[in-house]
Protein backbone atom coordinates (compact mmCIF):
# COMPACT_ATOMS: atom_id res chain seq x y z
CA UNK A 1 -217.62 85.05 -8.90
CA UNK A 2 -218.93 82.06 -6.27
CA UNK A 3 -219.33 84.43 -3.25
CA UNK A 4 -221.62 86.87 -5.30
CA UNK A 5 -223.92 84.17 -7.01
CA UNK A 6 -224.04 82.64 -3.69
CA UNK A 7 -225.15 85.80 -2.10
CA UNK A 8 -227.70 86.61 -4.86
CA UNK A 9 -228.78 83.33 -4.55
CA UNK A 10 -229.50 83.26 -0.78
CA UNK A 11 -231.11 86.76 -1.33
CA UNK A 12 -233.72 85.16 -4.18
CA UNK A 13 -234.39 82.56 -1.75
CA UNK A 14 -235.37 84.82 1.22
CA UNK A 15 -237.23 87.03 -0.97
CA UNK A 16 -239.13 84.19 -2.46
CA UNK A 17 -240.14 83.23 0.79
CA UNK A 18 -241.43 86.28 2.27
CA UNK A 19 -243.03 86.72 -1.02
CA UNK A 20 -244.57 83.41 -0.61
CA UNK A 21 -246.42 84.32 2.51
CA UNK A 22 -247.46 87.78 1.43
CA UNK A 23 -249.13 86.43 -1.47
CA UNK A 24 -250.52 83.40 0.20
CA UNK A 25 -252.09 85.43 2.88
CA UNK A 26 -252.85 88.62 1.15
CA UNK A 27 -256.44 87.38 -0.03
CA UNK A 28 -257.20 85.43 2.82
CA UNK A 29 -257.05 85.32 6.77
CA UNK A 30 -254.38 83.68 8.62
CA UNK A 31 -255.64 81.00 10.49
CA UNK A 32 -255.59 81.20 14.17
CA UNK A 33 -253.36 78.27 15.03
CA UNK A 34 -250.86 79.93 12.53
CA UNK A 35 -251.19 83.56 14.22
CA UNK A 36 -250.62 81.56 17.82
CA UNK A 37 -247.49 79.95 16.59
CA UNK A 38 -246.14 83.03 14.46
CA UNK A 39 -246.47 84.93 17.59
CA UNK A 40 -243.35 83.03 19.14
CA UNK A 41 -241.02 83.53 16.30
CA UNK A 42 -239.19 86.76 17.24
CA UNK A 43 -238.45 85.20 20.94
CA UNK A 44 -237.02 81.99 19.64
CA UNK A 45 -234.75 84.01 16.80
CA UNK A 46 -233.76 86.21 19.27
CA UNK A 47 -232.98 83.55 21.91
CA UNK A 48 -231.08 81.58 19.09
CA UNK A 49 -228.97 84.95 18.44
CA UNK A 50 -228.47 85.95 21.93
CA UNK A 51 -228.13 83.10 24.46
CA UNK A 52 -224.93 81.40 22.90
CA UNK A 53 -223.25 85.03 22.76
CA UNK A 54 -223.79 85.39 26.43
CA UNK A 55 -222.81 81.77 27.61
CA UNK A 56 -220.25 80.77 24.97
CA UNK A 57 -216.57 81.76 25.59
CA UNK A 58 -214.36 79.87 22.92
CA UNK A 59 -216.92 77.33 21.95
CA UNK A 60 -217.22 76.54 26.05
CA UNK A 61 -220.03 76.98 28.11
CA UNK A 62 -218.95 79.37 30.58
CA UNK A 63 -221.00 80.81 33.73
CA UNK A 64 -218.38 81.99 35.93
CA UNK A 65 -218.03 85.45 37.38
CA UNK A 66 -215.14 86.10 34.84
CA UNK A 67 -217.44 86.44 31.86
CA UNK A 68 -218.69 89.67 31.52
CA UNK A 69 -221.31 89.00 28.90
CA UNK A 70 -223.64 86.80 31.10
CA UNK A 71 -223.25 89.26 33.99
CA UNK A 72 -224.39 92.10 31.75
CA UNK A 73 -227.11 90.19 30.28
CA UNK A 74 -228.73 89.47 33.72
CA UNK A 75 -228.46 93.03 34.58
CA UNK A 76 -230.07 93.70 31.21
CA UNK A 77 -232.85 91.07 31.69
CA UNK A 78 -233.46 92.75 35.09
CA UNK A 79 -233.97 96.23 33.86
CA UNK A 80 -236.35 94.95 31.08
CA UNK A 81 -238.25 93.15 33.66
CA UNK A 82 -238.69 96.05 36.07
CA UNK A 83 -239.21 98.98 33.14
CA UNK A 84 -240.26 97.02 30.42
CA UNK A 85 -238.38 100.20 28.37
CA UNK A 86 -236.14 98.38 25.19
CA UNK A 87 -234.20 101.64 25.05
CA UNK A 88 -233.47 101.45 28.37
CA UNK A 89 -232.57 97.99 28.65
CA UNK A 90 -229.99 98.09 25.58
CA UNK A 91 -228.12 101.34 27.23
CA UNK A 92 -227.96 100.01 30.63
CA UNK A 93 -227.12 96.52 29.26
CA UNK A 94 -224.34 98.07 26.69
CA UNK A 95 -222.88 99.85 29.85
CA UNK A 96 -222.79 97.07 31.77
CA UNK A 97 -220.99 95.03 29.43
CA UNK A 98 -218.57 97.80 28.96
CA UNK A 99 -217.97 98.64 32.55
CA UNK A 100 -217.53 94.85 33.35
CA UNK A 101 -215.12 94.27 30.46
CA UNK A 102 -213.25 96.93 31.75
CA UNK A 103 -213.45 95.53 35.52
CA UNK A 104 -212.81 92.06 34.73
CA UNK A 105 -210.21 92.41 31.70
């Protein structure tokens, strides 16, 4: 029961947070400084999710060649930089990860 109440509470808090921005800024224009700051939110969130997954193995920083995740991430970053194609980057990154995991383990 506590788990369900926690899920409902977190869902309500998330909904209230999103709704507050919609109601506040639906009637007025978003200030330019806020727009500049909001442009960096997706990059910051993705970085916070992706970087630990690439470099932490068993809660330890691992930049060795035995870590297939950071090698696959490097390949995906190169594809993203050269092609600017999101789907190709994801596909090549996943394929590189699977191949590297198969080869290194």
